[in-house]
Protein backbone atom coordinates (compact mmCIF):
# COMPACT_ATOMS: atom_id res chain seq x y z
CA MET A 1 58.02 68.40 -3.61
CA ALA A 2 57.02 67.08 -0.61
CA GLU A 3 59.72 68.41 1.56
CA PRO A 4 60.90 67.05 4.67
CA PHE A 5 59.57 70.34 7.09
CA HIS A 6 56.15 69.87 5.16
CA CYS A 7 56.14 66.19 6.26
CA ASP A 8 54.73 64.38 9.11
CA PHE A 9 56.25 61.96 11.42
CA THR A 10 54.93 59.70 8.84
CA GLN A 11 56.95 61.21 6.13
CA ARG A 12 53.76 62.06 4.40
CA LEU A 13 53.38 65.73 3.16
CA PHE A 14 50.71 67.64 5.86
CA MET A 15 47.31 68.40 4.12
CA GLY A 16 47.85 71.81 5.39
CA HIS A 17 50.57 72.29 2.97
CA LEU A 18 48.74 69.93 0.19
CA GLY A 19 46.13 72.59 0.64
CA ASN A 20 48.94 75.11 0.39
CA HIS A 21 49.96 74.30 -3.10
CA MET A 22 46.77 73.84 -4.67
CA LEU A 23 45.74 77.49 -3.48
CA ASN A 24 49.31 78.58 -4.89
CA ALA A 25 48.28 76.94 -8.19
CA ALA A 26 44.92 78.61 -8.39
CA ASP A 27 46.70 81.79 -7.98
CA PHE A 28 49.36 81.04 -10.63
CA HIS A 29 46.48 80.13 -13.24
CA SER A 30 44.63 82.76 -12.18
CA THR A 31 47.30 85.17 -12.28
CA ASP A 32 48.50 83.99 -16.08
CA ARG A 33 45.11 84.52 -17.68
CA GLY A 34 44.55 88.21 -16.34
CA PHE A 35 42.09 87.26 -13.45
CA GLY A 36 44.47 86.70 -10.18
CA MET A 37 45.30 88.40 -7.12
CA LYS A 38 47.90 90.67 -8.08
CA TYR A 39 45.57 92.19 -10.56
CA LEU A 40 42.66 92.12 -8.33
CA LEU A 41 44.10 93.52 -5.14
CA THR A 42 44.77 96.94 -7.64
CA ILE A 43 41.30 97.28 -8.14
CA GLN A 44 40.20 96.64 -4.41
CA ARG A 45 38.87 92.84 -5.10
CA SER A 46 39.78 89.64 -3.81
CA TRP A 47 39.32 85.68 -4.22
CA VAL A 48 38.07 84.49 -0.97
CA LEU A 49 37.93 80.70 -0.65
CA SER A 50 33.82 79.66 -0.12
CA ARG A 51 34.61 75.41 0.45
CA LEU A 52 37.26 73.18 -0.28
CA ALA A 53 37.48 69.30 -0.17
CA ILE A 54 40.09 67.18 -0.88
CA GLU A 55 40.07 63.28 -1.53
CA MET A 56 43.58 61.33 -1.95
CA ASP A 57 44.77 57.58 -2.11
CA GLU A 58 48.05 58.63 -0.54
CA MET A 59 49.76 61.43 0.47
CA PRO A 60 52.99 61.75 -1.14
CA GLN A 61 56.09 60.78 0.62
CA MET A 62 59.23 62.94 1.82
CA TYR A 63 61.22 64.36 -1.18
CA THR A 64 58.48 63.15 -3.56
CA LYS A 65 58.18 65.22 -6.02
CA PHE A 66 54.60 65.76 -8.05
CA ASN A 67 52.60 68.01 -9.62
CA VAL A 68 49.23 69.88 -8.77
CA GLU A 69 47.24 70.33 -11.69
CA THR A 70 44.18 73.02 -11.60
CA TRP A 71 40.74 74.02 -14.25
CA VAL A 72 37.84 75.78 -13.94
CA GLU A 73 35.15 73.86 -13.94
CA SER A 74 32.02 76.55 -14.30
CA ALA A 75 31.76 80.10 -13.32
CA MET A 76 28.51 82.18 -12.15
CA ARG A 77 28.22 85.76 -10.98
CA TYR A 78 29.48 85.55 -7.89
CA PHE A 79 30.96 82.03 -7.54
CA THR A 80 33.07 79.79 -9.71
CA SER A 81 34.16 76.25 -9.35
CA ARG A 82 37.85 75.16 -9.56
CA ASN A 83 39.50 71.22 -9.63
CA PHE A 84 42.50 69.95 -8.39
CA ARG A 85 44.39 66.45 -9.68
CA VAL A 86 47.41 65.90 -7.72
CA VAL A 87 49.87 63.33 -9.99
CA GLY A 88 53.24 62.29 -9.75
CA THR A 89 55.20 59.38 -11.85
CA GLU A 90 56.64 55.95 -10.53
CA THR A 91 58.70 53.67 -12.28
CA ASP A 92 57.48 50.20 -13.11
CA GLU A 93 59.41 47.06 -13.16
CA PHE A 94 60.99 47.78 -16.63
CA GLY A 95 62.06 51.16 -15.79
CA ASN A 96 59.11 52.50 -17.53
CA SER A 97 57.59 55.70 -16.23
CA LEU A 98 53.99 55.47 -15.42
CA GLU A 99 51.31 58.39 -14.29
CA ARG A 100 50.26 58.06 -10.55
CA VAL A 101 47.34 60.05 -9.28
CA TYR A 102 47.54 60.61 -5.58
CA GLY A 103 44.20 62.38 -5.57
CA TYR A 104 41.55 65.14 -6.18
CA GLY A 105 40.29 68.74 -5.15
CA ARG A 106 37.46 70.34 -5.37
CA SER A 107 36.81 74.31 -4.60
CA ILE A 108 34.19 77.02 -4.84
CA TRP A 109 35.47 80.66 -4.81
CA ALA A 110 33.48 83.95 -4.33
CA MET A 111 35.04 87.18 -5.16
CA ILE A 112 34.85 89.80 -2.83
CA ASP A 113 35.14 93.98 -2.99
CA THR A 114 38.08 94.28 -0.20
CA GLU A 115 36.29 97.60 1.30
CA SER A 116 32.66 96.00 1.75
CA ARG A 117 33.87 92.43 2.07
CA GLN A 118 30.87 91.62 -0.02
CA PRO A 119 30.59 89.61 -2.98
CA THR A 120 31.02 91.08 -6.64
CA ASP A 121 30.36 90.51 -10.12
CA ILE A 122 33.13 87.71 -11.44
CA PHE A 123 32.30 88.65 -15.15
CA SER A 124 32.81 92.21 -14.12
CA ILE A 125 36.86 91.73 -14.83
CA ASP A 126 37.77 91.85 -18.28
CA ASN A 127 34.48 91.47 -19.82
CA GLY A 128 34.04 87.75 -18.30
CA ALA A 129 37.46 87.04 -19.14
CA ILE A 130 37.15 83.71 -16.83
CA ASN A 131 34.34 82.29 -19.39
CA ASN A 132 37.56 82.04 -21.74
CA TRP A 133 39.40 79.37 -19.36
CA ILE A 134 36.23 76.61 -18.06
CA VAL A 135 37.13 73.16 -18.56
CA LYS A 136 33.83 71.26 -18.57
CA ASP A 137 35.31 68.00 -20.28
CA LYS A 138 38.04 67.04 -17.32
CA GLU A 139 37.08 64.96 -15.03
CA CYS A 140 37.33 65.22 -10.86
CA PRO A 141 36.10 61.94 -9.96
CA ILE A 142 35.27 63.19 -6.19
CA ASP A 143 32.03 63.82 -4.52
CA LYS A 144 31.45 67.47 -4.85
CA GLY A 145 30.45 67.19 -1.46
CA GLY A 146 27.63 69.33 0.49
CA ARG A 147 26.52 71.03 3.59
CA VAL A 148 28.17 69.46 6.68
CA LYS A 149 25.06 68.36 8.93
CA MET A 150 26.04 68.43 13.05
CA SER A 151 23.61 67.66 15.77
CA ASP A 152 23.53 69.99 18.88
CA ASN A 153 25.42 66.99 20.67
CA ALA A 154 28.74 68.17 19.14
CA GLU A 155 31.32 67.88 21.88
CA PHE A 156 33.17 70.70 22.64
CA VAL A 157 37.06 70.33 22.04
CA ARG A 158 39.01 73.37 22.71
CA THR A 159 39.38 76.86 22.62
CA ILE A 160 42.32 78.93 20.63
CA ASP A 161 43.15 82.36 20.27
CA MET A 162 44.15 83.59 16.58
CA GLN A 163 47.39 85.42 16.36
CA TYR A 164 49.86 87.08 13.59
CA ASN A 165 50.62 83.68 12.10
CA ASP A 166 46.70 82.62 11.46
CA VAL A 167 46.05 86.02 9.33
CA ASP A 168 46.71 86.01 5.71
CA ILE A 169 46.51 89.11 2.84
CA ASN A 170 42.95 89.04 3.16
CA GLY A 171 43.42 90.18 6.73
CA HIS A 172 41.22 87.33 8.21
CA ILE A 173 42.45 83.77 9.13
CA ASN A 174 43.90 82.01 6.57
CA SER A 175 42.18 79.22 5.01
CA VAL A 176 44.52 76.76 5.34
CA LYS A 177 45.30 77.57 8.87
CA TYR A 178 41.37 76.05 9.75
CA ILE A 179 42.58 72.93 8.09
CA GLU A 180 45.82 72.81 10.24
CA HIS A 181 43.34 73.70 13.58
CA VAL A 182 40.72 70.96 12.59
CA LEU A 183 43.25 68.32 11.76
CA ASP A 184 45.25 68.79 15.52
CA LEU A 185 42.05 67.92 17.10
CA TRP A 186 43.54 64.48 16.91
CA ASP A 187 46.66 63.51 18.30
CA LEU A 188 49.95 61.34 17.14
CA ASP A 189 48.44 57.98 18.19
CA TRP A 190 45.44 58.16 16.34
CA TYR A 191 47.42 59.13 13.41
CA ARG A 192 49.65 56.14 13.99
CA GLU A 193 46.82 53.99 13.03
CA HIS A 194 44.56 56.27 10.91
CA GLN A 195 45.05 58.03 7.46
CA ILE A 196 43.09 61.01 5.97
CA LYS A 197 41.33 60.12 3.26
CA ARG A 198 38.88 63.09 2.56
CA PHE A 199 39.04 66.60 4.06
CA GLU A 200 35.95 69.17 3.58
CA ILE A 201 36.13 72.61 5.03
CA ALA A 202 32.56 74.75 3.95
CA TYR A 203 33.70 78.68 5.35
CA VAL A 204 30.82 80.63 6.59
CA ALA A 205 31.92 83.51 8.05
CA GLU A 206 35.36 85.54 8.78
CA ALA A 207 37.90 85.61 11.78
CA HIS A 208 39.95 87.83 12.57
CA GLN A 209 43.33 88.13 14.71
CA SER A 210 42.47 88.52 18.32
CA ASP A 211 39.33 86.08 17.71
CA GLN A 212 38.81 83.08 19.76
CA LEU A 213 37.75 80.36 17.82
CA SER A 214 36.26 77.08 19.78
CA PHE A 215 36.07 73.84 18.36
CA TYR A 216 33.37 71.00 18.51
CA ARG A 217 33.28 67.45 16.60
CA GLU A 218 30.85 64.61 16.20
CA GLN A 219 31.63 61.94 14.99
CA VAL A 220 28.47 60.72 12.41
CA ALA A 221 30.18 57.19 11.13
CA GLU A 222 32.75 54.91 11.17
CA GLY A 223 35.87 56.86 10.56
CA GLU A 224 33.74 60.06 9.82
CA TYR A 225 34.20 62.88 12.16
CA CYS A 226 32.16 66.31 11.59
CA VAL A 227 33.43 69.61 13.47
CA ARG A 228 32.23 72.86 13.81
CA ILE A 229 34.04 76.12 14.68
CA MET A 230 32.25 78.82 16.92
CA LYS A 231 34.10 82.59 17.15
CA THR A 232 34.07 84.59 19.80
CA SER A 233 35.94 88.31 20.41
CA PRO A 234 35.39 91.32 22.80
CA ASP A 235 33.21 92.67 19.93
CA ILE A 236 31.21 89.71 20.23
CA VAL A 237 28.26 89.05 22.54
CA ASP A 238 27.04 85.52 20.73
CA PRO A 239 29.30 82.91 19.59
CA VAL A 240 29.29 83.21 15.39
CA GLU A 241 29.41 80.28 13.46
CA VAL A 242 32.72 80.51 11.23
CA CYS A 243 32.81 77.17 9.43
CA ARG A 244 32.02 73.85 9.23
CA SER A 245 34.31 70.56 8.29
CA LYS A 246 34.07 66.72 8.09
CA VAL A 247 36.96 64.46 8.15
CA VAL A 248 36.66 61.01 6.45
CA PHE A 249 39.75 58.56 7.98
CA ARG A 250 40.86 55.05 6.36
């Protein structure tokens, strides 16, 4: 349910909370099939999100009940693609329940060794059990997205410190926290006039508590913006890019 305190001032679900619902669905799905985080952490393995794209016709309104469906589209040695569909029901003028699709998501995941932080073979888990759950004939009609291209003219917007609430179970900055910080680059007046149509993010490097993240924004088309996030810390001489994002507004 789009709970009241998970909604913004327009009484619609925050994009960050929708992202959390998608990541939770991914974990429930993989755990039920033997390759979830609960098991992986016992063998020093973990899933990390590499890319995420969410495209919504509309965000669920406050108190609306909806489902997040997820399925594995493909798997390679080091990466797997997983899709999402956000769907609810509505009642027509005759009292009939109709399916309502709010939007879709696409994601790319890597499995890493939690000690070395390097990618590891996905097919080594339970003799490649993930292959038993690949669904190739279920439609996900949104664009897969690609590399977010930015010039050197991107405008510096702000720098923020990473703190306790930004860190997840892998010990690095939570994937969804990046989404929230990116969307904070626009103020309430902007969101009074615009809705998020599509959000993309590609993770390049890890960031940790005590790092500082600097945000650079560039408008590339009408209603379309790219964001570059760079990290600095006491141990880093030169800034390091940690992720790029693209936001399309309607």
